[in-house]
Amino acid sequence: MNESKNITLSALKDNDRPDAIFCMTGQILIGAMQSVHEKGIKVPEDIPVITISNGFIPALYNSKITYVETSGYKPGKLAFKRMMSCLFGQYIFTGTNA
């Protein structure tokens, strides 16, 4: 979190601010939001913040944070199914398998 806070503070100190802040995890979001609040920047009025999350951490803030909801369950289930298919010779990669 400290690293994301420091990187965000660095990006926000210039007059040429980024158009948005994108955070890949909740931990990165926490650090970025610490910087945003420290600078007195309003989200989303001054700068939008977007993250990948299950929605729990973005909901902790009064600011409107846009998030892409995801969980590891569905990708994990698909990966396990494909792994088992490969192990039993039932999965053939064609380059177009979803």
C-alpha atoms as a PDB file:
ATOM      1  CA  MET A   1       0.000   0.000   0.000  1.00  0.00           C
ATOM      2  CA  ASN A   2       2.854   2.383   0.741  1.00  0.00           C
ATOM      3  CA  GLU A   3       4.292   1.865  -2.726  1.00  0.00           C
ATOM      4  CA  SER A   4       0.974   2.609  -4.445  1.00  0.00           C
ATOM      5  CA  LYS A   5       0.505   5.648  -2.205  1.00  0.00           C
ATOM      6  CA  ASN A   6       3.958   7.004  -3.093  1.00  0.00           C
ATOM      7  CA  ILE A   7       3.521   6.344  -6.819  1.00  0.00           C
ATOM      8  CA  THR A   8       0.111   8.032  -6.802  1.00  0.00           C
ATOM      9  CA  LEU A   9       1.432  11.020  -4.831  1.00  0.00           C
ATOM     10  CA  SER A  10       4.200  11.382  -7.397  1.00  0.00           C
ATOM     11  CA  ALA A  11       1.727  11.263 -10.298  1.00  0.00           C
ATOM     12  CA  LEU A  12      -0.560  13.810  -8.637  1.00  0.00           C
ATOM     13  CA  LYS A  13       2.054  16.424  -7.763  1.00  0.00           C
ATOM     14  CA  ASP A  14       2.435  17.627 -11.325  1.00  0.00           C
ATOM     15  CA  ASN A  15      -0.033  20.017 -12.911  1.00  0.00           C
ATOM     16  CA  ASP A  16      -0.322  17.451 -15.698  1.00  0.00           C
ATOM     17  CA  ARG A  17      -2.408  14.913 -13.771  1.00  0.00           C
ATOM     18  CA  PRO A  18      -3.421  11.567 -15.228  1.00  0.00           C
ATOM     19  CA  ASP A  19      -6.917  11.339 -16.695  1.00  0.00           C
ATOM     20  CA  ALA A  20      -7.788   8.549 -14.254  1.00  0.00           C
ATOM     21  CA  ILE A  21      -6.298   6.251 -11.640  1.00  0.00           C
ATOM     22  CA  PHE A  22      -6.580   2.518 -12.339  1.00  0.00           C
ATOM     23  CA  CYS A  23      -5.875   0.052  -9.531  1.00  0.00           C
ATOM     24  CA  MET A  24      -5.443  -3.667 -10.143  1.00  0.00           C
ATOM     25  CA  THR A  25      -6.115  -4.731  -6.536  1.00  0.00           C
ATOM     26  CA  GLY A  26      -7.814  -3.554  -3.373  1.00  0.00           C
ATOM     27  CA  GLN A  27      -4.462  -3.005  -1.682  1.00  0.00           C
ATOM     28  CA  ILE A  28      -3.341  -0.706  -4.494  1.00  0.00           C
ATOM     29  CA  LEU A  29      -6.684   1.094  -4.275  1.00  0.00           C
ATOM     30  CA  ILE A  30      -6.183   1.785  -0.564  1.00  0.00           C
ATOM     31  CA  GLY A  31      -2.773   3.368  -1.168  1.00  0.00           C
ATOM     32  CA  ALA A  32      -4.020   5.388  -4.130  1.00  0.00           C
ATOM     33  CA  MET A  33      -7.024   6.655  -2.169  1.00  0.00           C
ATOM     34  CA  GLN A  34      -4.770   7.694   0.719  1.00  0.00           C
ATOM     35  CA  SER A  35      -2.894   9.892  -1.751  1.00  0.00           C
ATOM     36  CA  VAL A  36      -6.061  11.281  -3.282  1.00  0.00           C
ATOM     37  CA  HIS A  37      -7.457  12.224   0.130  1.00  0.00           C
ATOM     38  CA  GLU A  38      -4.122  13.655   1.264  1.00  0.00           C
ATOM     39  CA  LYS A  39      -4.108  15.936  -1.794  1.00  0.00           C
ATOM     40  CA  GLY A  40      -7.747  16.959  -1.242  1.00  0.00           C
ATOM     41  CA  ILE A  41      -8.783  15.642  -4.640  1.00  0.00           C
ATOM     42  CA  LYS A  42     -12.439  14.749  -5.150  1.00  0.00           C
ATOM     43  CA  VAL A  43     -13.353  11.417  -6.726  1.00  0.00           C
ATOM     44  CA  PRO A  44     -14.849  11.284  -9.343  1.00  0.00           C
ATOM     45  CA  GLU A  45     -15.263  15.054  -9.807  1.00  0.00           C
ATOM     46  CA  ASP A  46     -11.529  15.839 -10.095  1.00  0.00           C
ATOM     47  CA  ILE A  47     -10.227  12.426 -11.112  1.00  0.00           C
ATOM     48  CA  PRO A  48     -11.992   9.085 -11.618  1.00  0.00           C
ATOM     49  CA  VAL A  49     -10.705   5.996  -9.837  1.00  0.00           C
ATOM     50  CA  ILE A  50     -11.257   2.560 -11.348  1.00  0.00           C
ATOM     51  CA  THR A  51     -10.362  -0.790  -9.791  1.00  0.00           C
ATOM     52  CA  ILE A  52     -10.819  -4.527 -10.129  1.00  0.00           C
ATOM     53  CA  SER A  53     -12.631  -5.703  -7.021  1.00  0.00           C
ATOM     54  CA  ASN A  54     -15.438  -7.726  -5.554  1.00  0.00           C
ATOM     55  CA  GLY A  55     -16.871  -4.365  -4.467  1.00  0.00           C
ATOM     56  CA  PHE A  56     -16.053  -4.601  -0.760  1.00  0.00           C
ATOM     57  CA  ILE A  57     -13.145  -2.120  -0.573  1.00  0.00           C
ATOM     58  CA  PRO A  58     -14.640   0.457  -2.992  1.00  0.00           C
ATOM     59  CA  ALA A  59     -17.804   0.460  -0.870  1.00  0.00           C
ATOM     60  CA  LEU A  60     -15.768   1.560   2.162  1.00  0.00           C
ATOM     61  CA  TYR A  61     -15.164   4.993   0.624  1.00  0.00           C
ATOM     62  CA  ASN A  62     -17.643   7.853   0.364  1.00  0.00           C
ATOM     63  CA  SER A  63     -16.198   8.616  -3.051  1.00  0.00           C
ATOM     64  CA  LYS A  64     -17.782   6.980  -6.091  1.00  0.00           C
ATOM     65  CA  ILE A  65     -15.191   4.428  -7.217  1.00  0.00           C
ATOM     66  CA  THR A  66     -15.884   2.543 -10.419  1.00  0.00           C
ATOM     67  CA  TYR A  67     -15.016  -1.115 -10.196  1.00  0.00           C
ATOM     68  CA  VAL A  68     -15.057  -4.168 -12.406  1.00  0.00           C
ATOM     69  CA  GLU A  69     -16.494  -6.930 -10.277  1.00  0.00           C
ATOM     70  CA  THR A  70     -14.582 -10.151 -10.338  1.00  0.00           C
ATOM     71  CA  SER A  71     -13.893 -13.149  -8.215  1.00  0.00           C
ATOM     72  CA  GLY A  72     -11.439 -15.959  -8.634  1.00  0.00           C
ATOM     73  CA  TYR A  73     -14.120 -18.646  -8.465  1.00  0.00           C
ATOM     74  CA  LYS A  74     -15.218 -18.779 -12.121  1.00  0.00           C
ATOM     75  CA  PRO A  75     -11.713 -18.474 -13.647  1.00  0.00           C
ATOM     76  CA  GLY A  76     -10.443 -21.045 -11.130  1.00  0.00           C
ATOM     77  CA  LYS A  77     -13.227 -23.468 -11.969  1.00  0.00           C
ATOM     78  CA  LEU A  78     -12.564 -23.073 -15.703  1.00  0.00           C
ATOM     79  CA  ALA A  79      -8.805 -23.524 -15.235  1.00  0.00           C
ATOM     80  CA  PHE A  80      -9.358 -26.678 -13.183  1.00  0.00           C
ATOM     81  CA  LYS A  81     -11.748 -28.090 -15.794  1.00  0.00           C
ATOM     82  CA  ARG A  82      -9.240 -27.429 -18.590  1.00  0.00           C
ATOM     83  CA  MET A  83      -6.376 -28.878 -16.568  1.00  0.00           C
ATOM     84  CA  MET A  84      -8.335 -32.078 -15.940  1.00  0.00           C
ATOM     85  CA  SER A  85      -9.258 -32.293 -19.628  1.00  0.00           C
ATOM     86  CA  CYS A  86      -5.603 -31.939 -20.588  1.00  0.00           C
ATOM     87  CA  LEU A  87      -4.542 -34.573 -18.077  1.00  0.00           C
ATOM     88  CA  PHE A  88      -7.034 -37.044 -19.499  1.00  0.00           C
ATOM     89  CA  GLY A  89      -6.306 -36.119 -23.152  1.00  0.00           C
ATOM     90  CA  GLN A  90      -9.726 -34.636 -23.793  1.00  0.00           C
ATOM     91  CA  TYR A  91      -8.702 -31.022 -24.386  1.00  0.00           C
ATOM     92  CA  ILE A  92      -7.215 -29.935 -27.682  1.00  0.00           C
ATOM     93  CA  PHE A  93      -6.120 -26.304 -27.945  1.00  0.00           C
ATOM     94  CA  THR A  94      -7.175 -24.830 -31.283  1.00  0.00           C
ATOM     95  CA  GLY A  95      -6.337 -21.220 -30.530  1.00  0.00           C
ATOM     96  CA  THR A  96     -10.030 -20.352 -30.403  1.00  0.00           C
ATOM     97  CA  ASN A  97     -11.074 -22.193 -27.227  1.00  0.00           C
ATOM     98  CA  ALA A  98     -12.702 -19.844 -24.768  1.00  0.00           C
END
